[in-house]
Structures are given as structure tokens and as C-alpha cells.
Protein backbone atom coordinates (compact mmCIF):
# COMPACT_ATOMS: atom_id res chain seq x y z
CA MET A 1 -0.02 0.02 0.00
CA VAL A 2 1.16 3.53 -0.84
CA LYS A 3 0.63 5.87 2.01
CA ILE A 4 0.63 9.61 1.20
CA LEU A 5 0.76 12.49 3.73
CA PHE A 6 0.25 16.12 2.71
CA VAL A 7 1.78 18.65 5.11
CA CYS A 8 1.49 22.39 5.69
CA LEU A 9 1.73 24.54 8.75
CA GLY A 10 -1.69 24.39 10.42
CA ASN A 11 -3.47 21.69 8.41
CA ILE A 12 -6.56 23.83 7.71
CA CYS A 13 -5.82 25.28 4.27
CA ARG A 14 -3.30 23.81 1.87
CA SER A 15 -2.73 20.17 3.10
CA PRO A 16 -6.43 19.33 3.57
CA THR A 17 -7.09 20.80 0.17
CA ALA A 18 -4.27 18.65 -1.19
CA GLU A 19 -5.75 15.57 0.49
CA GLY A 20 -9.16 16.23 -0.83
CA VAL A 21 -8.05 17.10 -4.47
CA PHE A 22 -5.60 14.21 -4.74
CA ARG A 23 -8.28 11.79 -3.40
CA HIS A 24 -10.70 13.23 -5.96
CA HIS A 25 -8.28 12.64 -8.85
CA ALA A 26 -7.29 9.17 -7.61
CA ASN A 27 -11.01 8.17 -7.23
CA LYS A 28 -11.73 9.55 -10.75
CA ALA A 29 -8.91 7.30 -12.06
CA GLY A 30 -10.47 4.28 -10.33
CA ILE A 31 -8.10 4.18 -7.43
CA GLU A 32 -9.88 4.08 -4.08
CA ASP A 33 -8.20 5.10 -0.83
CA GLY A 34 -8.45 3.61 2.61
CA PHE A 35 -6.79 1.14 4.81
CA THR A 36 -8.04 -1.83 2.75
CA LYS A 37 -7.18 -0.24 -0.60
CA ASP A 38 -4.06 0.40 -2.73
CA ILE A 39 -3.45 3.91 -1.32
CA TYR A 40 -4.07 5.72 1.92
CA ILE A 41 -4.22 9.52 1.84
CA ASP A 42 -3.99 11.85 4.84
CA SER A 43 -2.86 15.35 5.85
CA ALA A 44 -1.22 17.01 8.78
CA GLY A 45 0.39 20.29 10.01
CA THR A 46 3.79 20.86 11.40
CA ALA A 47 2.16 23.04 14.11
CA GLY A 48 -0.74 22.08 16.33
CA PHE A 49 -2.49 25.47 16.09
CA HIS A 50 -5.83 24.08 15.02
CA MET A 51 -6.05 20.59 16.51
CA ALA A 52 -9.32 18.79 15.39
CA ALA A 53 -10.56 21.94 13.51
CA PRO A 54 -12.18 21.66 10.15
CA PRO A 55 -10.53 23.26 7.10
CA ASP A 56 -10.71 26.98 6.80
CA LYS A 57 -14.15 27.96 5.35
CA ARG A 58 -12.56 29.67 2.45
CA ALA A 59 -10.57 26.46 1.58
CA GLN A 60 -13.85 24.46 1.78
CA LEU A 61 -15.72 26.86 -0.43
CA THR A 62 -12.93 26.91 -2.98
CA ALA A 63 -12.68 23.07 -3.08
CA LEU A 64 -16.53 22.78 -3.40
CA LYS A 65 -16.43 25.17 -6.34
CA TYR A 66 -14.42 22.39 -8.13
CA GLY A 67 -16.51 19.53 -6.85
CA VAL A 68 -14.18 18.55 -3.94
CA ASP A 69 -15.78 18.29 -0.39
CA ILE A 70 -13.12 18.62 2.39
CA GLY A 71 -15.59 19.54 5.11
CA ASP A 72 -15.29 16.34 7.03
CA LEU A 73 -11.52 16.58 7.45
CA ARG A 74 -9.98 17.51 10.76
CA ALA A 75 -6.63 19.12 11.49
CA ARG A 76 -3.96 17.13 13.21
CA LYS A 77 -0.29 17.65 13.99
CA LEU A 78 2.48 15.76 12.23
CA SER A 79 3.84 13.04 14.54
CA LEU A 80 7.14 11.21 14.73
CA GLN A 81 5.28 7.98 13.82
CA ASP A 82 4.16 9.57 10.56
CA PHE A 83 7.83 9.43 9.26
CA SER A 84 7.79 5.72 9.45
CA ASP A 85 4.18 5.08 8.55
CA PHE A 86 4.00 7.02 5.27
CA THR A 87 5.58 6.32 1.92
CA TYR A 88 5.48 9.87 0.75
CA ILE A 89 5.40 13.00 2.91
CA LEU A 90 4.72 15.99 0.77
CA ALA A 91 5.39 19.54 2.03
CA MET A 92 3.54 22.46 0.66
CA ASP A 93 6.58 24.89 1.06
CA SER A 94 10.20 24.81 1.84
CA ASP A 95 9.74 26.11 5.45
CA ASN A 96 7.57 23.08 6.36
CA LEU A 97 9.97 20.76 4.42
CA GLN A 98 12.89 22.07 6.49
CA MET A 99 11.01 21.69 9.72
CA MET A 100 10.20 18.04 8.73
CA LYS A 101 13.92 17.39 7.80
CA ARG A 102 14.98 18.50 11.25
CA HIS A 103 12.63 16.09 13.01
CA CYS A 104 12.63 13.14 10.55
CA PRO A 105 14.98 10.18 11.35
CA GLU A 106 17.70 9.75 8.78
CA GLU A 107 16.29 6.44 7.51
CA HIS A 108 13.08 8.22 6.36
CA GLN A 109 14.50 11.44 4.89
CA HIS A 110 14.01 10.01 1.39
CA LYS A 111 10.24 10.22 1.84
CA LEU A 112 10.23 13.98 2.17
CA HIS A 113 9.44 16.05 -0.94
CA LEU A 114 8.07 19.40 -1.98
CA PHE A 115 4.62 18.69 -3.37
CA MET A 116 5.12 21.09 -6.33
CA SER A 117 8.09 19.13 -7.49
CA PHE A 118 5.59 16.69 -9.03
CA ALA A 119 3.59 19.36 -10.86
CA GLU A 120 3.66 19.41 -14.62
CA ASN A 121 3.62 22.59 -16.63
CA SER A 122 4.73 24.70 -13.66
CA PRO A 123 8.24 25.73 -14.37
CA GLY A 124 9.73 27.82 -11.51
CA ILE A 125 6.87 27.20 -9.10
CA THR A 126 8.25 25.29 -6.19
CA GLU A 127 5.80 25.99 -3.41
CA VAL A 128 2.03 26.25 -2.75
CA PRO A 129 1.60 29.78 -1.34
CA ASP A 130 -0.19 29.86 2.03
CA PRO A 131 -3.55 31.67 1.47
CA TYR A 132 -4.45 31.97 5.16
CA TYR A 133 -3.87 35.69 5.45
CA GLY A 134 -5.17 36.43 1.93
CA ASP A 135 -8.50 36.63 0.33
CA ILE A 136 -10.54 34.11 -1.75
CA GLU A 137 -8.37 34.76 -4.81
CA ASP A 138 -5.40 33.46 -2.83
CA PHE A 139 -7.30 30.25 -2.15
CA ASP A 140 -8.12 29.91 -5.83
CA LYS A 141 -4.44 30.29 -6.67
CA ALA A 142 -3.45 27.68 -4.03
CA TYR A 143 -6.03 25.34 -5.37
CA ASP A 144 -4.72 25.72 -8.90
CA PHE A 145 -1.24 24.82 -7.77
CA ILE A 146 -2.45 21.88 -5.66
CA ASP A 147 -4.53 20.62 -8.62
CA ARG A 148 -1.46 20.70 -10.91
CA ALA A 149 0.77 18.93 -8.40
CA SER A 150 -2.00 16.39 -7.63
CA GLN A 151 -2.31 15.33 -11.30
CA GLY A 152 1.48 15.04 -11.73
CA PHE A 153 1.84 13.12 -8.42
CA LEU A 154 -0.98 10.70 -9.43
CA LYS A 155 0.86 9.95 -12.70
CA HIS A 156 4.10 9.39 -10.68
CA ILE A 157 2.61 6.88 -8.21
CA CYS A 158 0.61 5.11 -11.06
CA ARG A 159 3.93 4.52 -12.83
CA GLU A 160 5.92 3.63 -9.71
CA TYR A 161 3.24 1.21 -8.27
CA ASN A 162 1.44 0.01 -11.40
CA LEU A 163 -1.91 1.42 -10.19
């Protein structure tokens, strides 16, 4: 089973959006997620600011605009166990990637990646910008980047794992 974890700072904007968008694309491709399936998809934050909170309303509204419902997701903090449990741990930006690298045991460092590194047709874009302090247009921009990276990452894991 391929286990995928999307990570941002608070787990209420970018990473739950990535979890929902990636799940949406995987399900459309006939790949179902869950503990008894081929893949397992989750998200977390490097900080525990919003433990058990639903995604930001603006993130939910933006995702719903594209047919993705993330309203049932709840924020959680990245744990040390996550580094051994997940196959891929995908950071939304370099700050969160650096934080994960500082806490990740050496034998699991290879699992850490910038999510945008899988995006196609996005030259020079390395991070999903944090929309939290912005307006709805910032959430649309973040969604667009997440969508691009999700499609590229889905192609990657389908190739790697013959899904």
C-alpha cells in the first residue's frame, strides 16, 4: 500500500485541500483510498495550532467550487510516527519541508518532498503559497497549484506502483 501524507503549517488550508484534491483525482482514475485499498491519503500540519478543527471555510468553499468536499477533514499535528508510517510525505513549502527534515529520522528522509516538484507545466513554481492571510483569490491560486501537483503526483505513483 502507498501511504501519502500532505503537510502544511496548520493543516486547515493547503494540506487538507491537497488531501481532498488528490483523493478526488485518484478516485476519478478508479483508485480508491483507505486502509483496505491500494493507497491511503491523509494530511497534517507541522504546528498544532488548529487541532481537530475543520478546514478553513474559504478552503472548503474553493474546493467545493471544483466538486471537492473537504468539510469532514480535521486538523492534526504531524507526529514522529508519521515518518515511518507514510511512503511519501509532501510539504507545501520549503519552510515546512525544512522543519520536517529537522525532525525526521535519517532512514526516512528520502520520503520527504516538496509537493510542487511533481507538478507538470509549472516551471519555476516550487511551493504552494499559504492563502491563510489572503482573500478568496489566494485560495483559488493555491487550489490551482495543488490541482497541478496532484495530477502530476498521481501519474508518478501510478507509474511507480502500477496502479
